[in-house]
């Protein structure tokens, strides 16, 4: 096996329809909806892209997946019951700007009940406060921790510095997506698309350009400096949006009812 092998969009779509035929054959009257998602659905697939399909069937609590390589190409079919896929589309967390493109850009292969537009609506059915809470969690739960890990490398341990730096840029892009209610088209376009958003924190652009170009990734001092500049910019950016970074320990723990 030498794959993945290159193929044109038309061949990938022909394979998609063959998979569709087999799923219709397998599930019959159980089948509620079939939808192609990912780069192939958007018509942005490259020569080595895979095939990704939502398959929704009757039942409760169903969540399974077929993922396989056919040698030259790869496909994934995610099988859900209706309430499970709706719950996934309605979920909101720090990865929302990356994960929820799968529910927004769906090419319906079979959708007599209009399920896929409901998924798209569910993805955005959140209050401004819920988006703010998710953004604050990214800052404290992910970015703050990564800044600490990067600063630890000043003590001489640099083996994981590049990984931490790239993850910092990734979570920063997700933070911007949450702030702007923006779902990115794909992880491949994550940084380019995020740089088109307004009101970016100072230092964010340099963070992204370093990851996108690779320039300076082998310079530990440079990465630490970029991280610190971004963190300073982020503190000011969060303050302007009244996103909390610091909390009083006693007030938090003693007031908790859980």
Protein backbone atom coordinates (compact mmCIF):
# COMPACT_ATOMS: atom_id res chain seq x y z
CA UNK A 1 0.00 0.00 0.00
CA UNK A 2 1.44 3.34 -1.08
CA UNK A 3 -1.60 5.47 -0.36
CA UNK A 4 -2.94 7.98 0.14
CA UNK A 5 -2.89 8.47 -3.64
CA UNK A 6 -3.98 11.60 -5.47
CA UNK A 7 -7.44 11.72 -7.04
CA UNK A 8 -9.68 14.44 -8.51
CA UNK A 9 -12.80 15.74 -6.80
CA UNK A 10 -15.02 13.89 -9.28
CA UNK A 11 -13.54 10.52 -8.35
CA UNK A 12 -13.92 11.30 -4.64
CA UNK A 13 -17.57 12.18 -5.19
CA UNK A 14 -18.12 8.94 -7.10
CA UNK A 15 -16.73 7.03 -4.10
CA UNK A 16 -18.98 9.08 -1.82
CA UNK A 17 -22.05 8.00 -3.76
CA UNK A 18 -20.92 4.37 -3.64
CA UNK A 19 -20.62 4.60 0.15
CA UNK A 20 -24.05 6.26 0.20
CA UNK A 21 -25.50 3.33 -1.76
CA UNK A 22 -24.05 0.81 0.69
CA UNK A 23 -25.35 2.75 3.71
CA UNK A 24 -28.83 2.91 2.21
CA UNK A 25 -28.61 -0.84 1.64
CA UNK A 26 -27.45 -1.51 5.21
CA UNK A 27 -29.87 0.73 7.12
CA UNK A 28 -32.93 0.80 4.86
CA UNK A 29 -35.93 2.35 6.62
CA UNK A 30 -33.78 3.11 9.68
CA UNK A 31 -31.95 5.79 7.73
CA UNK A 32 -32.95 9.37 8.59
CA UNK A 33 -30.19 11.43 6.97
CA UNK A 34 -26.88 11.21 5.14
CA UNK A 35 -24.59 14.19 4.70
CA UNK A 36 -21.10 14.76 3.37
CA UNK A 37 -18.98 17.15 5.42
CA UNK A 38 -15.40 18.39 5.44
CA UNK A 39 -13.33 19.73 2.56
CA UNK A 40 -15.00 17.49 -0.03
CA UNK A 41 -18.44 18.87 0.87
CA UNK A 42 -17.12 22.43 0.51
CA UNK A 43 -15.48 21.64 -2.83
CA UNK A 44 -12.11 22.52 -1.32
CA UNK A 45 -10.66 19.01 -1.18
CA UNK A 46 -7.08 18.50 -2.25
CA UNK A 47 -5.63 15.53 -4.12
CA UNK A 48 -5.13 13.59 -0.87
CA UNK A 49 -8.26 14.56 1.05
CA UNK A 50 -10.50 11.96 2.66
CA UNK A 51 -14.26 11.41 2.66
CA UNK A 52 -16.33 12.25 5.76
CA UNK A 53 -20.02 11.42 6.10
CA UNK A 54 -22.70 11.90 8.77
CA UNK A 55 -25.14 8.97 8.92
CA UNK A 56 -28.20 9.48 11.13
CA UNK A 57 -30.44 6.51 11.90
CA UNK A 58 -33.49 5.75 14.03
CA UNK A 59 -32.89 4.77 17.63
CA UNK A 60 -31.54 6.22 20.86
CA UNK A 61 -28.04 6.68 22.21
CA UNK A 62 -26.33 5.61 18.99
CA UNK A 63 -22.81 6.91 18.43
CA UNK A 64 -20.35 4.82 16.46
CA UNK A 65 -17.98 5.22 13.56
CA UNK A 66 -16.61 3.39 10.56
CA UNK A 67 -13.14 4.64 9.64
CA UNK A 68 -11.04 2.78 7.13
CA UNK A 69 -8.37 2.96 4.46
CA UNK A 70 -9.06 1.39 1.09
CA UNK A 71 -5.38 1.67 0.20
CA UNK A 72 -5.47 4.62 -2.16
CA UNK A 73 -8.03 6.59 -0.16
CA UNK A 74 -9.59 6.92 3.29
CA UNK A 75 -13.13 7.47 4.53
CA UNK A 76 -15.00 7.99 7.79
CA UNK A 77 -18.71 7.45 8.39
CA UNK A 78 -20.01 8.70 11.75
CA UNK A 79 -23.26 6.97 12.71
CA UNK A 80 -25.58 8.69 15.18
CA UNK A 81 -29.12 8.65 16.41
CA UNK A 82 -30.84 11.97 15.94
CA UNK A 83 -30.71 13.16 19.55
CA UNK A 84 -26.99 12.39 19.82
CA UNK A 85 -25.93 14.39 16.76
CA UNK A 86 -28.21 17.28 17.78
CA UNK A 87 -26.59 17.30 21.23
CA UNK A 88 -23.13 17.35 19.67
CA UNK A 89 -24.07 20.23 17.40
CA UNK A 90 -25.45 22.14 20.41
CA UNK A 91 -22.30 21.64 22.52
CA UNK A 92 -20.13 24.67 23.23
CA UNK A 93 -16.54 24.39 24.42
CA UNK A 94 -13.12 25.79 23.67
CA UNK A 95 -12.73 23.82 20.43
CA UNK A 96 -16.10 24.98 19.05
CA UNK A 97 -14.55 27.12 16.27
CA UNK A 98 -12.72 24.04 14.94
CA UNK A 99 -15.11 21.17 15.57
CA UNK A 100 -18.42 22.69 14.52
CA UNK A 101 -17.62 23.22 10.87
CA UNK A 102 -18.71 19.60 10.55
CA UNK A 103 -22.26 20.71 11.35
CA UNK A 104 -22.34 23.89 9.26
CA UNK A 105 -21.00 22.89 5.86
CA UNK A 106 -22.93 19.70 5.14
CA UNK A 107 -23.80 18.58 1.63
CA UNK A 108 -27.03 16.63 2.06
CA UNK A 109 -27.13 13.26 0.32
CA UNK A 110 -30.40 12.29 1.99
CA UNK A 111 -32.29 14.60 4.35
CA UNK A 112 -36.06 14.39 3.91
CA UNK A 113 -36.73 15.86 7.39
CA UNK A 114 -34.35 18.83 7.09
CA UNK A 115 -32.05 17.66 9.88
CA UNK A 116 -28.84 19.30 8.69
CA UNK A 117 -30.18 22.90 8.78
CA UNK A 118 -31.26 22.16 12.35
CA UNK A 119 -27.69 21.15 13.22
CA UNK A 120 -26.39 24.42 11.84
CA UNK A 121 -28.93 26.40 13.87
CA UNK A 122 -28.15 24.42 17.04
CA UNK A 123 -24.44 25.22 16.74
CA UNK A 124 -25.16 28.94 17.22
CA UNK A 125 -28.03 28.66 19.67
CA UNK A 126 -26.08 30.06 22.63
CA UNK A 127 -26.35 33.25 24.60
CA UNK A 128 -23.60 35.90 24.59
CA UNK A 129 -22.89 34.90 28.21
CA UNK A 130 -22.29 31.29 27.20
CA UNK A 131 -19.80 32.36 24.53
CA UNK A 132 -18.09 34.63 27.07
CA UNK A 133 -17.84 31.79 29.58
CA UNK A 134 -16.32 29.49 26.95
CA UNK A 135 -13.82 32.19 25.99
CA UNK A 136 -12.84 32.80 29.61
CA UNK A 137 -12.30 29.06 30.07
CA UNK A 138 -9.92 28.99 27.09
CA UNK A 139 -7.88 31.83 28.58
CA UNK A 140 -7.55 30.30 32.06
CA UNK A 141 -7.79 26.60 31.26
CA UNK A 142 -5.56 26.52 28.20
CA UNK A 143 -3.66 29.71 27.37
CA UNK A 144 -2.60 30.62 30.94
CA UNK A 145 -1.32 27.09 31.46
CA UNK A 146 0.62 27.10 28.18
CA UNK A 147 2.23 30.44 29.02
CA UNK A 148 3.44 28.84 32.25
CA UNK A 149 4.83 25.83 30.39
CA UNK A 150 6.61 28.07 27.90
CA UNK A 151 8.11 30.16 30.70
CA UNK A 152 9.31 26.96 32.36
CA UNK A 153 11.55 26.45 29.34
CA UNK A 154 13.59 29.42 30.58
CA UNK A 155 14.91 26.93 33.16
CA UNK A 156 16.61 25.03 30.32
CA UNK A 157 14.10 22.34 29.24
CA UNK A 158 13.27 23.23 25.63
CA UNK A 159 12.34 19.83 24.16
CA UNK A 160 8.61 20.56 24.14
CA UNK A 161 8.79 24.31 23.54
CA UNK A 162 7.73 24.25 19.89
CA UNK A 163 4.77 21.99 20.71
CA UNK A 164 3.62 24.32 23.50
CA UNK A 165 4.05 27.34 21.23
CA UNK A 166 1.98 25.82 18.42
CA UNK A 167 -0.73 24.80 20.89
CA UNK A 168 -0.72 28.35 22.25
CA UNK A 169 -1.42 29.69 18.76
CA UNK A 170 -4.15 27.08 18.23
CA UNK A 171 -6.01 27.95 21.42
CA UNK A 172 -5.57 31.66 20.75
CA UNK A 173 -7.23 31.17 17.34
CA UNK A 174 -10.08 29.30 19.03
CA UNK A 175 -10.44 32.16 21.50
CA UNK A 176 -10.84 34.62 18.65
CA UNK A 177 -13.38 32.34 17.00
CA UNK A 178 -15.46 32.23 20.18
CA UNK A 179 -15.23 35.98 20.59
CA UNK A 180 -16.38 36.58 17.01
CA UNK A 181 -18.82 33.60 16.82
CA UNK A 182 -16.68 32.34 13.94
CA UNK A 183 -16.44 28.68 12.95
CA UNK A 184 -13.34 28.03 10.87
CA UNK A 185 -13.61 26.14 7.60
CA UNK A 186 -10.90 23.66 8.55
CA UNK A 187 -7.85 23.26 10.76
CA UNK A 188 -5.75 23.79 7.62
CA UNK A 189 -7.23 27.31 7.34
CA UNK A 190 -7.33 27.99 11.06
CA UNK A 191 -4.59 30.61 11.29
CA UNK A 192 -5.18 32.26 7.91
CA UNK A 193 -8.90 32.64 8.63
CA UNK A 194 -8.31 33.90 12.17
CA UNK A 195 -6.02 36.65 10.87
CA UNK A 196 -8.96 38.00 8.86
CA UNK A 197 -11.01 38.56 12.03
CA UNK A 198 -11.16 42.04 13.61
CA UNK A 199 -10.04 43.12 17.07
CA UNK A 200 -7.16 40.70 17.50
CA UNK A 201 -4.99 40.98 20.63
CA UNK A 202 -1.63 42.66 20.24
CA UNK A 203 1.02 40.03 19.57
CA UNK A 204 -1.42 37.54 18.03
CA UNK A 205 -0.41 38.18 14.43
CA UNK A 206 3.29 37.57 15.14
CA UNK A 207 2.37 34.37 17.00
CA UNK A 208 0.44 33.09 13.97
CA UNK A 209 2.96 34.13 11.36
CA UNK A 210 5.71 32.32 13.26
CA UNK A 211 3.70 29.09 13.22
CA UNK A 212 2.54 29.50 9.61
CA UNK A 213 5.98 30.21 8.19
CA UNK A 214 8.13 28.24 10.62
CA UNK A 215 10.51 31.20 10.82
CA UNK A 216 12.08 31.33 14.28
CA UNK A 217 10.63 28.07 15.57
CA UNK A 218 14.16 26.87 16.30
CA UNK A 219 14.93 29.94 18.44
CA UNK A 220 13.80 29.34 22.02
CA UNK A 221 14.38 32.92 23.15
CA UNK A 222 12.35 34.21 20.20
CA UNK A 223 9.41 31.93 21.00
CA UNK A 224 9.40 32.92 24.65
CA UNK A 225 9.49 36.61 23.70
CA UNK A 226 6.59 36.23 21.25
CA UNK A 227 4.59 34.33 23.86
CA UNK A 228 5.14 37.05 26.48
CA UNK A 229 4.18 39.82 24.04
CA UNK A 230 1.00 37.97 23.12
CA UNK A 231 0.15 37.37 26.79
CA UNK A 232 0.52 41.09 27.53
CA UNK A 233 -1.73 41.89 24.58
CA UNK A 234 -4.24 39.27 25.64
CA UNK A 235 -4.51 40.64 29.19
CA UNK A 236 -5.43 44.05 27.79
CA UNK A 237 -7.79 42.50 25.20
CA UNK A 238 -9.58 40.44 27.88
CA UNK A 239 -9.87 43.45 30.21
CA UNK A 240 -11.55 45.46 27.44
CA UNK A 241 -14.11 42.66 27.12
CA UNK A 242 -14.45 42.16 30.88
CA UNK A 243 -13.33 38.57 30.54
CA UNK A 244 -12.06 37.45 33.95
CA UNK A 245 -8.55 36.01 34.20
CA UNK A 246 -8.04 36.37 37.96
CA UNK A 247 -10.44 35.23 40.70
CA UNK A 248 -10.35 35.45 44.48
CA UNK A 249 -9.61 31.96 45.78
CA UNK A 250 -11.69 32.18 48.95
CA UNK A 251 -14.64 33.78 47.16
CA UNK A 252 -14.58 31.06 44.54
CA UNK A 253 -14.19 28.04 46.79
CA UNK A 254 -16.31 29.13 49.75
CA UNK A 255 -19.22 30.28 47.61
CA UNK A 256 -19.35 27.07 45.60
CA UNK A 257 -22.35 24.83 46.30
CA UNK A 258 -20.94 21.79 44.46
